[in-house]
């Protein structure tokens, strides 16, 4: 409890793991016009197998700040690592809400 209300602060982490494997297959496509005449044939390169896995760690902190019986603010920060996309993600969240008793 502070002079400006009460804080409920939470910290945490999570780890998500995904794996996807399979085989890509190709098929020749032939395009015809309205009268049935062949317009074009498209041949794709042969398919191949794939096996991808991903481990996505994340950490977060959030605060539920209650000012009085009618007003509260929720705010949070989450940082994620996404290796398959070769990206890091930063999420900021906030919400203003009324408190009911």
Protein backbone atom coordinates (compact mmCIF):
# COMPACT_ATOMS: atom_id res chain seq x y z
CA UNK A 1 0.00 0.00 0.00
CA UNK A 2 1.32 3.44 -0.93
CA UNK A 3 -0.14 6.89 -0.38
CA UNK A 4 -1.57 6.60 -3.91
CA UNK A 5 -3.30 3.25 -3.61
CA UNK A 6 -2.37 -0.41 -3.50
CA UNK A 7 -0.10 -2.30 -5.94
CA UNK A 8 -0.29 -5.98 -6.80
CA UNK A 9 2.91 -6.72 -8.75
CA UNK A 10 3.55 -10.08 -10.39
CA UNK A 11 6.65 -11.42 -12.16
CA UNK A 12 6.86 -14.54 -14.23
CA UNK A 13 8.28 -16.44 -17.14
CA UNK A 14 7.19 -19.02 -19.65
CA UNK A 15 8.74 -21.29 -22.26
CA UNK A 16 6.87 -22.50 -25.33
CA UNK A 17 8.17 -25.24 -27.58
CA UNK A 18 6.95 -26.17 -31.05
CA UNK A 19 8.03 -28.74 -33.61
CA UNK A 20 6.83 -29.18 -37.18
CA UNK A 21 7.98 -31.80 -39.62
CA UNK A 22 6.68 -33.10 -42.89
CA UNK A 23 7.12 -33.45 -46.62
CA UNK A 24 6.36 -30.92 -49.33
CA UNK A 25 4.76 -32.43 -52.44
CA UNK A 26 4.45 -30.85 -55.87
CA UNK A 27 1.88 -31.26 -58.60
CA UNK A 28 1.80 -29.90 -62.14
CA UNK A 29 -0.95 -27.34 -62.78
CA UNK A 30 -2.57 -26.86 -66.19
CA UNK A 31 -4.64 -23.73 -66.86
CA UNK A 32 -7.44 -23.81 -69.48
CA UNK A 33 -9.56 -21.02 -70.94
CA UNK A 34 -13.40 -20.96 -71.09
CA UNK A 35 -13.45 -23.08 -74.28
CA UNK A 36 -11.16 -25.74 -72.79
CA UNK A 37 -8.04 -24.73 -74.70
CA UNK A 38 -4.82 -25.18 -72.73
CA UNK A 39 -3.28 -21.81 -71.84
CA UNK A 40 -0.35 -22.75 -69.66
CA UNK A 41 1.26 -25.56 -67.69
CA UNK A 42 3.20 -24.82 -64.51
CA UNK A 43 5.74 -27.32 -63.18
CA UNK A 44 7.05 -26.72 -59.68
CA UNK A 45 10.42 -27.78 -58.34
CA UNK A 46 10.37 -31.12 -56.52
CA UNK A 47 9.29 -31.07 -52.89
CA UNK A 48 11.53 -31.72 -49.94
CA UNK A 49 11.21 -32.75 -46.32
CA UNK A 50 11.37 -30.28 -43.44
CA UNK A 51 11.89 -30.48 -39.70
CA UNK A 52 11.73 -27.24 -37.71
CA UNK A 53 11.64 -26.72 -33.98
CA UNK A 54 11.43 -23.60 -31.89
CA UNK A 55 11.90 -22.74 -28.22
CA UNK A 56 10.35 -19.40 -27.21
CA UNK A 57 11.33 -18.10 -23.75
CA UNK A 58 9.50 -15.09 -22.29
CA UNK A 59 9.52 -13.00 -19.11
CA UNK A 60 6.89 -10.57 -17.83
CA UNK A 61 6.02 -8.13 -15.07
CA UNK A 62 2.55 -6.73 -14.40
CA UNK A 63 0.97 -4.41 -11.87
CA UNK A 64 -2.65 -4.06 -10.77
CA UNK A 65 -2.72 -0.61 -9.18
CA UNK A 66 -5.90 0.15 -7.23
CA UNK A 67 -6.32 3.85 -6.43
CA UNK A 68 -9.69 3.61 -4.70
CA UNK A 69 -12.88 1.54 -4.80
CA UNK A 70 -13.77 2.97 -8.23
CA UNK A 71 -10.47 3.20 -10.14
CA UNK A 72 -7.64 0.81 -10.97
CA UNK A 73 -4.92 0.58 -13.63
CA UNK A 74 -3.47 -2.65 -15.03
CA UNK A 75 -0.08 -2.37 -16.74
CA UNK A 76 2.45 -4.91 -17.89
CA UNK A 77 5.56 -5.61 -19.89
CA UNK A 78 6.40 -8.86 -21.69
CA UNK A 79 9.58 -9.71 -23.60
CA UNK A 80 9.71 -12.76 -25.90
CA UNK A 81 12.38 -14.36 -28.04
CA UNK A 82 11.25 -15.97 -31.31
CA UNK A 83 14.22 -17.80 -32.85
CA UNK A 84 12.46 -19.16 -35.98
CA UNK A 85 11.38 -15.68 -36.97
CA UNK A 86 14.76 -14.34 -35.84
CA UNK A 87 12.95 -11.66 -33.84
CA UNK A 88 12.51 -10.41 -30.34
CA UNK A 89 9.12 -9.11 -29.26
CA UNK A 90 8.31 -6.47 -26.67
CA UNK A 91 4.67 -6.09 -25.58
CA UNK A 92 3.36 -3.21 -23.50
CA UNK A 93 -0.11 -3.63 -22.03
CA UNK A 94 -2.31 -1.25 -20.11
CA UNK A 95 -5.92 -1.04 -19.04
CA UNK A 96 -8.01 1.41 -17.04
CA UNK A 97 -10.87 -0.22 -15.21
CA UNK A 98 -13.50 0.38 -12.59
CA UNK A 99 -13.29 -1.70 -9.43
CA UNK A 100 -16.45 -3.33 -8.09
CA UNK A 101 -16.86 -4.64 -4.58
